[in-house]
Amino acid sequence: MLIGRVDHDPKKSLQAQLRESTLNRLDQYRELYQATFGEKVSTSDLVDLMLNNVMDRDRSFKKFLREQEKLAKEKQQGANQNAASGTEGETQGPAQGNGNPGQRSGPGQQARQA
């Protein structure tokens, strides 16, 4: 069989409609599962196994997931760097001064006039 045993993770509900021929084949596959593993399986668990099997084998989907993970890591690293430097959410504006390079006027300092 292409699928393994049922994993009992928490579930969420999904309502779907399938063609009658697909449902008939699904019932036949449930019979095969029961004969192979010696236990009954619900249609819901069987569909879950089958969908995961397809996604696990799909090279394009795996590539997509790797790209998404890489983007998420890069975004997180950027956020971590900003947080470490104290610049998160800040923009750097011009330095305070009187407009002359090398001369700044700030609290307690007077600007030099040429």
PDB file of N, CA and C in Angstrom:
ATOM      1  N   MET A   1       0.844  -1.187   0.000  1.00  0.00           N
ATOM      2  CA  MET A   1       0.000   0.000   0.000  1.00  0.00           C
ATOM      3  C   MET A   1       0.881   1.239   0.000  1.00  0.00           C
ATOM      4  N   LEU A   2       0.412   2.267  -0.624  1.00  0.00           N
ATOM      5  CA  LEU A   2       1.145   3.536  -0.650  1.00  0.00           C
ATOM      6  C   LEU A   2       1.012   4.326   0.634  1.00  0.00           C
ATOM      7  N   ILE A   3       0.020   4.010   1.439  1.00  0.00           N
ATOM      8  CA  ILE A   3      -0.196   4.759   2.677  1.00  0.00           C
ATOM      9  C   ILE A   3       0.140   3.889   3.875  1.00  0.00           C
ATOM     10  N   GLY A   4       0.456   4.539   4.980  1.00  0.00           N
ATOM     11  CA  GLY A   4       0.749   3.831   6.217  1.00  0.00           C
ATOM     12  C   GLY A   4      -0.462   3.806   7.125  1.00  0.00           C
ATOM     13  N   ARG A   5      -0.194   3.593   8.397  1.00  0.00           N
ATOM     14  CA  ARG A   5      -1.270   3.542   9.385  1.00  0.00           C
ATOM     15  C   ARG A   5      -1.782   4.935   9.722  1.00  0.00           C
ATOM     16  N   VAL A   6      -2.974   4.971  10.255  1.00  0.00           N
ATOM     17  CA  VAL A   6      -3.625   6.224  10.642  1.00  0.00           C
ATOM     18  C   VAL A   6      -2.874   6.855  11.808  1.00  0.00           C
ATOM     19  N   ASP A   7      -2.617   8.149  11.711  1.00  0.00           N
ATOM     20  CA  ASP A   7      -2.031   8.934  12.802  1.00  0.00           C
ATOM     21  C   ASP A   7      -3.172   9.718  13.428  1.00  0.00           C
ATOM     22  N   HIS A   8      -3.258   9.716  14.734  1.00  0.00           N
ATOM     23  CA  HIS A   8      -4.410  10.310  15.408  1.00  0.00           C
ATOM     24  C   HIS A   8      -4.108  11.707  15.933  1.00  0.00           C
ATOM     25  N   ASP A   9      -3.830  12.631  15.026  1.00  0.00           N
ATOM     26  CA  ASP A   9      -3.644  14.041  15.367  1.00  0.00           C
ATOM     27  C   ASP A   9      -5.011  14.679  15.625  1.00  0.00           C
ATOM     28  N   PRO A  10      -5.025  15.850  16.302  1.00  0.00           N
ATOM     29  CA  PRO A  10      -6.291  16.582  16.430  1.00  0.00           C
ATOM     30  C   PRO A  10      -6.853  16.897  15.036  1.00  0.00           C
ATOM     31  N   LYS A  11      -8.163  16.975  14.934  1.00  0.00           N
ATOM     32  CA  LYS A  11      -8.798  17.146  13.630  1.00  0.00           C
ATOM     33  C   LYS A  11      -9.631  18.412  13.578  1.00  0.00           C
ATOM     34  N   LYS A  12      -9.779  18.906  12.366  1.00  0.00           N
ATOM     35  CA  LYS A  12     -10.706  19.992  12.064  1.00  0.00           C
ATOM     36  C   LYS A  12     -11.669  19.480  11.013  1.00  0.00           C
ATOM     37  N   SER A  13     -12.837  20.046  10.987  1.00  0.00           N
ATOM     38  CA  SER A  13     -13.878  19.573  10.089  1.00  0.00           C
ATOM     39  C   SER A  13     -13.733  20.199   8.699  1.00  0.00           C
ATOM     40  N   LEU A  14     -14.052  19.388   7.689  1.00  0.00           N
ATOM     41  CA  LEU A  14     -14.047  19.837   6.299  1.00  0.00           C
ATOM     42  C   LEU A  14     -15.221  19.165   5.603  1.00  0.00           C
ATOM     43  N   GLN A  15     -16.019  19.951   4.931  1.00  0.00           N
ATOM     44  CA  GLN A  15     -17.131  19.377   4.190  1.00  0.00           C
ATOM     45  C   GLN A  15     -16.742  19.369   2.719  1.00  0.00           C
ATOM     46  N   ALA A  16     -16.873  18.205   2.085  1.00  0.00           N
ATOM     47  CA  ALA A  16     -16.495  18.087   0.680  1.00  0.00           C
ATOM     48  C   ALA A  16     -17.489  17.187  -0.044  1.00  0.00           C
ATOM     49  N   GLN A  17     -17.589  17.406  -1.330  1.00  0.00           N
ATOM     50  CA  GLN A  17     -18.414  16.553  -2.166  1.00  0.00           C
ATOM     51  C   GLN A  17     -17.499  15.877  -3.177  1.00  0.00           C
ATOM     52  N   LEU A  18     -17.690  14.555  -3.324  1.00  0.00           N
ATOM     53  CA  LEU A  18     -16.892  13.778  -4.265  1.00  0.00           C
ATOM     54  C   LEU A  18     -17.810  13.090  -5.259  1.00  0.00           C
ATOM     55  N   ARG A  19     -17.251  12.770  -6.409  1.00  0.00           N
ATOM     56  CA  ARG A  19     -18.025  12.019  -7.403  1.00  0.00           C
ATOM     57  C   ARG A  19     -18.374  10.647  -6.825  1.00  0.00           C
ATOM     58  N   GLU A  20     -19.483  10.115  -7.261  1.00  0.00           N
ATOM     59  CA  GLU A  20     -19.920   8.803  -6.789  1.00  0.00           C
ATOM     60  C   GLU A  20     -18.873   7.737  -7.087  1.00  0.00           C
ATOM     61  N   SER A  21     -18.259   7.813  -8.262  1.00  0.00           N
ATOM     62  CA  SER A  21     -17.239   6.826  -8.619  1.00  0.00           C
ATOM     63  C   SER A  21     -16.020   6.918  -7.689  1.00  0.00           C
ATOM     64  N   THR A  22     -15.688   8.119  -7.265  1.00  0.00           N
ATOM     65  CA  THR A  22     -14.571   8.293  -6.333  1.00  0.00           C
ATOM     66  C   THR A  22     -14.918   7.696  -4.976  1.00  0.00           C
ATOM     67  N   LEU A  23     -16.141   7.928  -4.517  1.00  0.00           N
ATOM     68  CA  LEU A  23     -16.574   7.358  -3.242  1.00  0.00           C
ATOM     69  C   LEU A  23     -16.580   5.837  -3.281  1.00  0.00           C
ATOM     70  N   ASN A  24     -16.983   5.258  -4.425  1.00  0.00           N
ATOM     71  CA  ASN A  24     -16.965   3.795  -4.563  1.00  0.00           C
ATOM     72  C   ASN A  24     -15.527   3.273  -4.463  1.00  0.00           C
ATOM     73  N   ARG A  25     -14.604   3.940  -5.124  1.00  0.00           N
ATOM     74  CA  ARG A  25     -13.194   3.523  -5.062  1.00  0.00           C
ATOM     75  C   ARG A  25     -12.642   3.703  -3.650  1.00  0.00           C
ATOM     76  N   LEU A  26     -13.067   4.756  -2.984  1.00  0.00           N
ATOM     77  CA  LEU A  26     -12.627   4.996  -1.613  1.00  0.00           C
ATOM     78  C   LEU A  26     -13.104   3.869  -0.688  1.00  0.00           C
ATOM     79  N   ASP A  27     -14.331   3.413  -0.877  1.00  0.00           N
ATOM     80  CA  ASP A  27     -14.839   2.281  -0.092  1.00  0.00           C
ATOM     81  C   ASP A  27     -14.008   1.028  -0.361  1.00  0.00           C
ATOM     82  N   GLN A  28     -13.639   0.815  -1.617  1.00  0.00           N
ATOM     83  CA  GLN A  28     -12.801  -0.335  -1.949  1.00  0.00           C
ATOM     84  C   GLN A  28     -11.416  -0.216  -1.302  1.00  0.00           C
ATOM     85  N   TYR A  29     -10.900   0.982  -1.259  1.00  0.00           N
ATOM     86  CA  TYR A  29      -9.584   1.198  -0.647  1.00  0.00           C
ATOM     87  C   TYR A  29      -9.669   0.972   0.864  1.00  0.00           C
ATOM     88  N   ARG A  30     -10.780   1.352   1.459  1.00  0.00           N
ATOM     89  CA  ARG A  30     -10.980   1.078   2.899  1.00  0.00           C
ATOM     90  C   ARG A  30     -10.958  -0.417   3.164  1.00  0.00           C
ATOM     91  N   GLU A  31     -11.546  -1.187   2.277  1.00  0.00           N
ATOM     92  CA  GLU A  31     -11.521  -2.655   2.413  1.00  0.00           C
ATOM     93  C   GLU A  31     -10.078  -3.163   2.355  1.00  0.00           C
ATOM     94  N   LEU A  32      -9.294  -2.638   1.436  1.00  0.00           N
ATOM     95  CA  LEU A  32      -7.888  -3.023   1.328  1.00  0.00           C
ATOM     96  C   LEU A  32      -7.128  -2.654   2.599  1.00  0.00           C
ATOM     97  N   TYR A  33      -7.390  -1.472   3.123  1.00  0.00           N
ATOM     98  CA  TYR A  33      -6.734  -1.036   4.363  1.00  0.00           C
ATOM     99  C   TYR A  33      -7.049  -2.011   5.486  1.00  0.00           C
ATOM    100  N   GLN A  34      -8.309  -2.372   5.617  1.00  0.00           N
ATOM    101  CA  GLN A  34      -8.723  -3.287   6.688  1.00  0.00           C
ATOM    102  C   GLN A  34      -8.053  -4.653   6.511  1.00  0.00           C
ATOM    103  N   ALA A  35      -7.973  -5.140   5.289  1.00  0.00           N
ATOM    104  CA  ALA A  35      -7.337  -6.433   5.033  1.00  0.00           C
ATOM    105  C   ALA A  35      -5.839  -6.372   5.312  1.00  0.00           C
ATOM    106  N   THR A  36      -5.214  -5.242   4.995  1.00  0.00           N
ATOM    107  CA  THR A  36      -3.766  -5.099   5.169  1.00  0.00           C
ATOM    108  C   THR A  36      -3.378  -4.933   6.625  1.00  0.00           C
ATOM    109  N   PHE A  37      -4.089  -4.052   7.351  1.00  0.00           N
ATOM    110  CA  PHE A  37      -3.697  -3.709   8.714  1.00  0.00           C
ATOM    111  C   PHE A  37      -4.553  -4.384   9.791  1.00  0.00           C
ATOM    112  N   GLY A  38      -5.613  -5.058   9.375  1.00  0.00           N
ATOM    113  CA  GLY A  38      -6.445  -5.773  10.333  1.00  0.00           C
ATOM    114  C   GLY A  38      -7.261  -4.861  11.226  1.00  0.00           C
ATOM    115  N   GLU A  39      -7.524  -3.655  10.780  1.00  0.00           N
ATOM    116  CA  GLU A  39      -8.353  -2.720  11.560  1.00  0.00           C
ATOM    117  C   GLU A  39      -9.169  -1.873  10.607  1.00  0.00           C
ATOM    118  N   LYS A  40     -10.304  -1.430  11.092  1.00  0.00           N
ATOM    119  CA  LYS A  40     -11.159  -0.569  10.285  1.00  0.00           C
ATOM    120  C   LYS A  40     -10.590   0.847  10.283  1.00  0.00           C
ATOM    121  N   VAL A  41     -10.914   1.589   9.235  1.00  0.00           N
ATOM    122  CA  VAL A  41     -10.482   2.976   9.119  1.00  0.00           C
ATOM    123  C   VAL A  41     -11.677   3.791   8.644  1.00  0.00           C
ATOM    124  N   SER A  42     -11.824   4.981   9.197  1.00  0.00           N
ATOM    125  CA  SER A  42     -12.929   5.845   8.763  1.00  0.00           C
ATOM    126  C   SER A  42     -12.577   6.466   7.413  1.00  0.00           C
ATOM    127  N   THR A  43     -13.599   6.848   6.696  1.00  0.00           N
ATOM    128  CA  THR A  43     -13.384   7.528   5.411  1.00  0.00           C
ATOM    129  C   THR A  43     -12.559   8.788   5.619  1.00  0.00           C
ATOM    130  N   SER A  44     -12.866   9.513   6.680  1.00  0.00           N
ATOM    131  CA  SER A  44     -12.150  10.748   6.986  1.00  0.00           C
ATOM    132  C   SER A  44     -10.654  10.484   7.172  1.00  0.00           C
ATOM    133  N   ASP A  45     -10.308   9.462   7.965  1.00  0.00           N
ATOM    134  CA  ASP A  45      -8.893   9.153   8.196  1.00  0.00           C
ATOM    135  C   ASP A  45      -8.220   8.673   6.913  1.00  0.00           C
ATOM    136  N   LEU A  46      -8.934   7.918   6.118  1.00  0.00           N
ATOM    137  CA  LEU A  46      -8.376   7.412   4.874  1.00  0.00           C
ATOM    138  C   LEU A  46      -8.088   8.557   3.897  1.00  0.00           C
ATOM    139  N   VAL A  47      -9.019   9.480   3.769  1.00  0.00           N
ATOM    140  CA  VAL A  47      -8.807  10.636   2.888  1.00  0.00           C
ATOM    141  C   VAL A  47      -7.625  11.453   3.387  1.00  0.00           C
ATOM    142  N   ASP A  48      -7.515  11.636   4.698  1.00  0.00           N
ATOM    143  CA  ASP A  48      -6.383  12.366   5.272  1.00  0.00           C
ATOM    144  C   ASP A  48      -5.060  11.697   4.910  1.00  0.00           C
ATOM    145  N   LEU A  49      -4.998  10.378   5.077  1.00  0.00           N
ATOM    146  CA  LEU A  49      -3.777   9.644   4.724  1.00  0.00           C
ATOM    147  C   LEU A  49      -3.427   9.806   3.252  1.00  0.00           C
ATOM    148  N   MET A  50      -4.430   9.685   2.416  1.00  0.00           N
ATOM    149  CA  MET A  50      -4.199   9.768   0.976  1.00  0.00           C
ATOM    150  C   MET A  50      -3.724  11.160   0.557  1.00  0.00           C
ATOM    151  N   LEU A  51      -4.353  12.179   1.100  1.00  0.00           N
ATOM    152  CA  LEU A  51      -3.945  13.545   0.756  1.00  0.00           C
ATOM    153  C   LEU A  51      -2.527  13.836   1.221  1.00  0.00           C
ATOM    154  N   ASN A  52      -2.198  13.407   2.435  1.00  0.00           N
ATOM    155  CA  ASN A  52      -0.840  13.616   2.928  1.00  0.00           C
ATOM    156  C   ASN A  52       0.180  12.856   2.101  1.00  0.00           C
ATOM    157  N   ASN A  53      -0.189  11.657   1.654  1.00  0.00           N
ATOM    158  CA  ASN A  53       0.706  10.877   0.811  1.00  0.00           C
ATOM    159  C   ASN A  53       1.000  11.615  -0.495  1.00  0.00           C
ATOM    160  N   VAL A  54      -0.025  12.171  -1.102  1.00  0.00           N
ATOM    161  CA  VAL A  54       0.162  12.930  -2.345  1.00  0.00           C
ATOM    162  C   VAL A  54       1.052  14.150  -2.100  1.00  0.00           C
ATOM    163  N   MET A  55       0.772  14.900  -1.041  1.00  0.00           N
ATOM    164  CA  MET A  55       1.559  16.106  -0.760  1.00  0.00           C
ATOM    165  C   MET A  55       3.005  15.769  -0.411  1.00  0.00           C
ATOM    166  N   ASP A  56       3.219  14.658   0.295  1.00  0.00           N
ATOM    167  CA  ASP A  56       4.582  14.251   0.658  1.00  0.00           C
ATOM    168  C   ASP A  56       5.406  13.838  -0.556  1.00  0.00           C
ATOM    169  N   ARG A  57       4.761  13.362  -1.597  1.00  0.00           N
ATOM    170  CA  ARG A  57       5.467  12.900  -2.793  1.00  0.00           C
ATOM    171  C   ARG A  57       5.578  13.968  -3.892  1.00  0.00           C
ATOM    172  N   ASP A  58       4.881  15.060  -3.753  1.00  0.00           N
ATOM    173  CA  ASP A  58       4.837  16.099  -4.786  1.00  0.00           C
ATOM    174  C   ASP A  58       6.083  16.983  -4.702  1.00  0.00           C
ATOM    175  N   ARG A  59       6.972  16.851  -5.673  1.00  0.00           N
ATOM    176  CA  ARG A  59       8.228  17.609  -5.664  1.00  0.00           C
ATOM    177  C   ARG A  59       8.003  19.113  -5.745  1.00  0.00           C
ATOM    178  N   SER A  60       7.047  19.523  -6.545  1.00  0.00           N
ATOM    179  CA  SER A  60       6.759  20.965  -6.667  1.00  0.00           C
ATOM    180  C   SER A  60       6.271  21.529  -5.342  1.00  0.00           C
ATOM    181  N   PHE A  61       5.441  20.772  -4.654  1.00  0.00           N
ATOM    182  CA  PHE A  61       4.926  21.221  -3.367  1.00  0.00           C
ATOM    183  C   PHE A  61       6.046  21.286  -2.335  1.00  0.00           C
ATOM    184  N   LYS A  62       6.933  20.293  -2.335  1.00  0.00           N
ATOM    185  CA  LYS A  62       8.077  20.299  -1.412  1.00  0.00           C
ATOM    186  C   LYS A  62       8.963  21.514  -1.665  1.00  0.00           C
ATOM    187  N   LYS A  63       9.196  21.818  -2.940  1.00  0.00           N
ATOM    188  CA  LYS A  63      10.013  22.987  -3.291  1.00  0.00           C
ATOM    189  C   LYS A  63       9.339  24.264  -2.804  1.00  0.00           C
ATOM    190  N   PHE A  64       8.039  24.364  -3.013  1.00  0.00           N
ATOM    191  CA  PHE A  64       7.272  25.519  -2.547  1.00  0.00           C
ATOM    192  C   PHE A  64       7.413  25.683  -1.035  1.00  0.00           C
ATOM    193  N   LEU A  65       7.282  24.591  -0.292  1.00  0.00           N
ATOM    194  CA  LEU A  65       7.402  24.662   1.169  1.00  0.00           C
ATOM    195  C   LEU A  65       8.797  25.096   1.604  1.00  0.00           C
ATOM    196  N   ARG A  66       9.831  24.589   0.926  1.00  0.00           N
ATOM    197  CA  ARG A  66      11.210  25.003   1.258  1.00  0.00           C
ATOM    198  C   ARG A  66      11.392  26.499   1.017  1.00  0.00           C
ATOM    199  N   GLU A  67      10.862  27.000  -0.090  1.00  0.00           N
ATOM    200  CA  GLU A  67      10.968  28.427  -0.400  1.00  0.00           C
ATOM    201  C   GLU A  67      10.234  29.269   0.640  1.00  0.00           C
ATOM    202  N   GLN A  68       9.058  28.812   1.051  1.00  0.00           N
ATOM    203  CA  GLN A  68       8.299  29.535   2.069  1.00  0.00           C
ATOM    204  C   GLN A  68       9.038  29.548   3.399  1.00  0.00           C
ATOM    205  N   GLU A  69       9.655  28.421   3.744  1.00  0.00           N
ATOM    206  CA  GLU A  69      10.418  28.324   4.990  1.00  0.00           C
ATOM    207  C   GLU A  69      11.631  29.247   4.947  1.00  0.00           C
ATOM    208  N   LYS A  70      12.298  29.295   3.786  1.00  0.00           N
ATOM    209  CA  LYS A  70      13.463  30.165   3.629  1.00  0.00           C
ATOM    210  C   LYS A  70      13.066  31.633   3.777  1.00  0.00           C
ATOM    211  N   LEU A  71      11.968  32.026   3.156  1.00  0.00           N
ATOM    212  CA  LEU A  71      11.489  33.405   3.267  1.00  0.00           C
ATOM    213  C   LEU A  71      11.122  33.750   4.704  1.00  0.00           C
ATOM    214  N   ALA A  72      10.493  32.821   5.392  1.00  0.00           N
ATOM    215  CA  ALA A  72      10.107  33.060   6.781  1.00  0.00           C
ATOM    216  C   ALA A  72      11.345  33.219   7.662  1.00  0.00           C
ATOM    217  N   LYS A  73      12.379  32.408   7.417  1.00  0.00           N
ATOM    218  CA  LYS A  73      13.626  32.518   8.189  1.00  0.00           C
ATOM    219  C   LYS A  73      14.300  33.856   7.940  1.00  0.00           C
ATOM    220  N   GLU A  74      14.349  34.259   6.667  1.00  0.00           N
ATOM    221  CA  GLU A  74      14.973  35.543   6.333  1.00  0.00           C
ATOM    222  C   GLU A  74      14.227  36.692   6.995  1.00  0.00           C
ATOM    223  N   LYS A  75      12.928  36.626   6.987  1.00  0.00           N
ATOM    224  CA  LYS A  75      12.116  37.664   7.611  1.00  0.00           C
ATOM    225  C   LYS A  75      12.367  37.702   9.115  1.00  0.00           C
ATOM    226  N   GLN A  76      12.436  36.518   9.734  1.00  0.00           N
ATOM    227  CA  GLN A  76      12.678  36.435  11.173  1.00  0.00           C
ATOM    228  C   GLN A  76      14.074  36.939  11.513  1.00  0.00           C
ATOM    229  N   GLN A  77      15.071  36.592  10.704  1.00  0.00           N
ATOM    230  CA  GLN A  77      16.435  37.058  10.961  1.00  0.00           C
ATOM    231  C   GLN A  77      16.507  38.582  10.855  1.00  0.00           C
ATOM    232  N   GLY A  78      15.807  39.147   9.888  1.00  0.00           N
ATOM    233  CA  GLY A  78      15.760  40.605   9.757  1.00  0.00           C
ATOM    234  C   GLY A  78      15.112  41.251  10.966  1.00  0.00           C
ATOM    235  N   ALA A  79      14.040  40.659  11.454  1.00  0.00           N
ATOM    236  CA  ALA A  79      13.362  41.190  12.638  1.00  0.00           C
ATOM    237  C   ALA A  79      14.266  41.066  13.857  1.00  0.00           C
ATOM    238  N   ASN A  80      14.991  39.947  13.974  1.00  0.00           N
ATOM    239  CA  ASN A  80      15.905  39.763  15.099  1.00  0.00           C
ATOM    240  C   ASN A  80      17.047  40.774  15.059  1.00  0.00           C
ATOM    241  N   GLN A  81      17.573  41.045  13.857  1.00  0.00           N
ATOM    242  CA  GLN A  81      18.658  42.018  13.719  1.00  0.00           C
ATOM    243  C   GLN A  81      18.166  43.416  14.083  1.00  0.00           C
ATOM    244  N   ASN A  82      16.969  43.756  13.651  1.00  0.00           N
ATOM    245  CA  ASN A  82      16.408  45.060  13.978  1.00  0.00           C
ATOM    246  C   ASN A  82      16.182  45.197  15.477  1.00  0.00           C
ATOM    247  N   ALA A  83      15.685  44.138  16.103  1.00  0.00           N
ATOM    248  CA  ALA A  83      15.433  44.178  17.541  1.00  0.00           C
ATOM    249  C   ALA A  83      16.751  44.294  18.305  1.00  0.00           C
ATOM    250  N   ALA A  84      17.790  43.601  17.842  1.00  0.00           N
ATOM    251  CA  ALA A  84      19.085  43.635  18.519  1.00  0.00           C
ATOM    252  C   ALA A  84      19.739  45.008  18.400  1.00  0.00           C
ATOM    253  N   SER A  85      19.531  45.677  17.278  1.00  0.00           N
ATOM    254  CA  SER A  85      20.156  46.986  17.085  1.00  0.00           C
ATOM    255  C   SER A  85      19.258  48.119  17.577  1.00  0.00           C
ATOM    256  N   GLY A  86      18.053  47.780  17.998  1.00  0.00           N
ATOM    257  CA  GLY A  86      17.138  48.795  18.504  1.00  0.00           C
ATOM    258  C   GLY A  86      16.507  49.644  17.431  1.00  0.00           C
ATOM    259  N   THR A  87      16.511  49.152  16.205  1.00  0.00           N
ATOM    260  CA  THR A  87      15.957  49.942  15.102  1.00  0.00           C
ATOM    261  C   THR A  87      14.645  49.388  14.588  1.00  0.00           C
ATOM    262  N   GLU A  88      14.061  48.468  15.307  1.00  0.00           N
ATOM    263  CA  GLU A  88      12.812  47.881  14.841  1.00  0.00           C
ATOM    264  C   GLU A  88      11.739  48.952  14.719  1.00  0.00           C
ATOM    265  N   GLY A  89      11.208  49.075  13.531  1.00  0.00           N
ATOM    266  CA  GLY A  89      10.123  50.014  13.300  1.00  0.00           C
ATOM    267  C   GLY A  89      10.575  51.463  13.181  1.00  0.00           C
ATOM    268  N   GLU A  90      11.881  51.714  13.270  1.00  0.00           N
ATOM    269  CA  GLU A  90      12.376  53.084  13.174  1.00  0.00           C
ATOM    270  C   GLU A  90      12.938  53.333  11.787  1.00  0.00           C
ATOM    271  N   THR A  91      12.914  54.576  11.404  1.00  0.00           N
ATOM    272  CA  THR A  91      13.604  54.973  10.186  1.00  0.00           C
ATOM    273  C   THR A  91      14.671  55.962  10.580  1.00  0.00           C
ATOM    274  N   GLN A  92      15.775  55.910   9.879  1.00  0.00           N
ATOM    275  CA  GLN A  92      16.853  56.822  10.206  1.00  0.00           C
ATOM    276  C   GLN A  92      16.677  58.101   9.411  1.00  0.00           C
ATOM    277  N   GLY A  93      16.667  59.198  10.114  1.00  0.00           N
ATOM    278  CA  GLY A  93      16.533  60.497   9.472  1.00  0.00           C
ATOM    279  C   GLY A  93      17.876  61.198   9.468  1.00  0.00           C
ATOM    280  N   PRO A  94      17.925  62.429   9.009  1.00  0.00           N
ATOM    281  CA  PRO A  94      19.194  63.153   8.984  1.00  0.00           C
ATOM    282  C   PRO A  94      19.657  63.446  10.413  1.00  0.00           C
ATOM    283  N   ALA A  95      20.977  63.512  10.578  1.00  0.00           N
ATOM    284  CA  ALA A  95      21.545  63.822  11.892  1.00  0.00           C
ATOM    285  C   ALA A  95      21.200  65.251  12.256  1.00  0.00           C
ATOM    286  N   GLN A  96      21.031  65.462  13.565  1.00  0.00           N
ATOM    287  CA  GLN A  96      20.778  66.832  14.003  1.00  0.00           C
ATOM    288  C   GLN A  96      22.018  67.657  13.741  1.00  0.00           C
ATOM    289  N   GLY A  97      21.834  68.859  13.380  1.00  0.00           N
ATOM    290  CA  GLY A  97      22.993  69.725  13.159  1.00  0.00           C
ATOM    291  C   GLY A  97      22.572  71.013  12.520  1.00  0.00           C
ATOM    292  N   ASN A  98      23.588  71.774  12.175  1.00  0.00           N
ATOM    293  CA  ASN A  98      23.304  73.070  11.577  1.00  0.00           C
ATOM    294  C   ASN A  98      23.455  73.037  10.067  1.00  0.00           C
ATOM    295  N   GLY A  99      23.582  71.854   9.522  1.00  0.00           N
ATOM    296  CA  GLY A  99      23.688  71.756   8.081  1.00  0.00           C
ATOM    297  C   GLY A  99      25.125  71.681   7.609  1.00  0.00           C
ATOM    298  N   ASN A 100      26.101  71.909   8.482  1.00  0.00           N
ATOM    299  CA  ASN A 100      27.502  71.816   8.095  1.00  0.00           C
ATOM    300  C   ASN A 100      28.039  70.454   8.516  1.00  0.00           C
ATOM    301  N   PRO A 101      28.697  69.750   7.605  1.00  0.00           N
ATOM    302  CA  PRO A 101      29.231  68.439   7.959  1.00  0.00           C
ATOM    303  C   PRO A 101      30.221  68.551   9.109  1.00  0.00           C
ATOM    304  N   GLY A 102      30.161  67.587  10.012  1.00  0.00           N
ATOM    305  CA  GLY A 102      31.100  67.562  11.115  1.00  0.00           C
ATOM    306  C   GLY A 102      30.713  68.471  12.272  1.00  0.00           C
ATOM    307  N   GLN A 103      29.751  69.335  12.111  1.00  0.00           N
ATOM    308  CA  GLN A 103      29.328  70.228  13.187  1.00  0.00           C
ATOM    309  C   GLN A 103      27.888  69.910  13.537  1.00  0.00           C
ATOM    310  N   ARG A 104      27.678  69.623  14.798  1.00  0.00           N
ATOM    311  CA  ARG A 104      26.332  69.295  15.239  1.00  0.00           C
ATOM    312  C   ARG A 104      25.925  70.235  16.341  1.00  0.00           C
ATOM    313  N   SER A 105      24.679  70.527  16.346  1.00  0.00           N
ATOM    314  CA  SER A 105      24.169  71.293  17.474  1.00  0.00           C
ATOM    315  C   SER A 105      23.075  70.460  18.095  1.00  0.00           C
ATOM    316  N   GLY A 106      23.203  70.235  19.349  1.00  0.00           N
ATOM    317  CA  GLY A 106      22.222  69.460  20.068  1.00  0.00           C
ATOM    318  C   GLY A 106      22.040  70.107  21.417  1.00  0.00           C
ATOM    319  N   PRO A 107      21.380  69.439  22.318  1.00  0.00           N
ATOM    320  CA  PRO A 107      21.175  70.010  23.647  1.00  0.00           C
ATOM    321  C   PRO A 107      22.514  70.337  24.287  1.00  0.00           C
ATOM    322  N   GLY A 108      22.655  71.501  24.806  1.00  0.00           N
ATOM    323  CA  GLY A 108      23.870  71.925  25.491  1.00  0.00           C
ATOM    324  C   GLY A 108      24.983  72.353  24.577  1.00  0.00           C
ATOM    325  N   GLN A 109      24.752  72.346  23.283  1.00  0.00           N
ATOM    326  CA  GLN A 109      25.794  72.766  22.347  1.00  0.00           C
ATOM    327  C   GLN A 109      25.261  73.909  21.490  1.00  0.00           C
ATOM    328  N   GLN A 110      26.120  74.812  21.169  1.00  0.00           N
ATOM    329  CA  GLN A 110      25.739  75.893  20.286  1.00  0.00           C
ATOM    330  C   GLN A 110      26.327  75.632  18.909  1.00  0.00           C
ATOM    331  N   ALA A 111      25.580  75.999  17.915  1.00  0.00           N
ATOM    332  CA  ALA A 111      26.093  75.842  16.571  1.00  0.00           C
ATOM    333  C   ALA A 111      27.117  76.917  16.298  1.00  0.00           C
ATOM    334  N   ARG A 112      28.182  76.516  15.638  1.00  0.00           N
ATOM    335  CA  ARG A 112      29.202  77.479  15.246  1.00  0.00           C
ATOM    336  C   ARG A 112      28.760  78.176  13.982  1.00  0.00           C
ATOM    337  N   GLN A 113      29.075  79.423  13.932  1.00  0.00           N
ATOM    338  CA  GLN A 113      28.752  80.158  12.719  1.00  0.00           C
ATOM    339  C   GLN A 113      30.046  80.528  12.029  1.00  0.00           C
ATOM    340  N   ALA A 114      30.069  80.417  10.723  1.00  0.00           N
ATOM    341  CA  ALA A 114      31.288  80.697   9.992  1.00  0.00           C
ATOM    342  C   ALA A 114      31.391  82.145   9.644  1.00  0.00           C
TER     343      ALA A 114
END
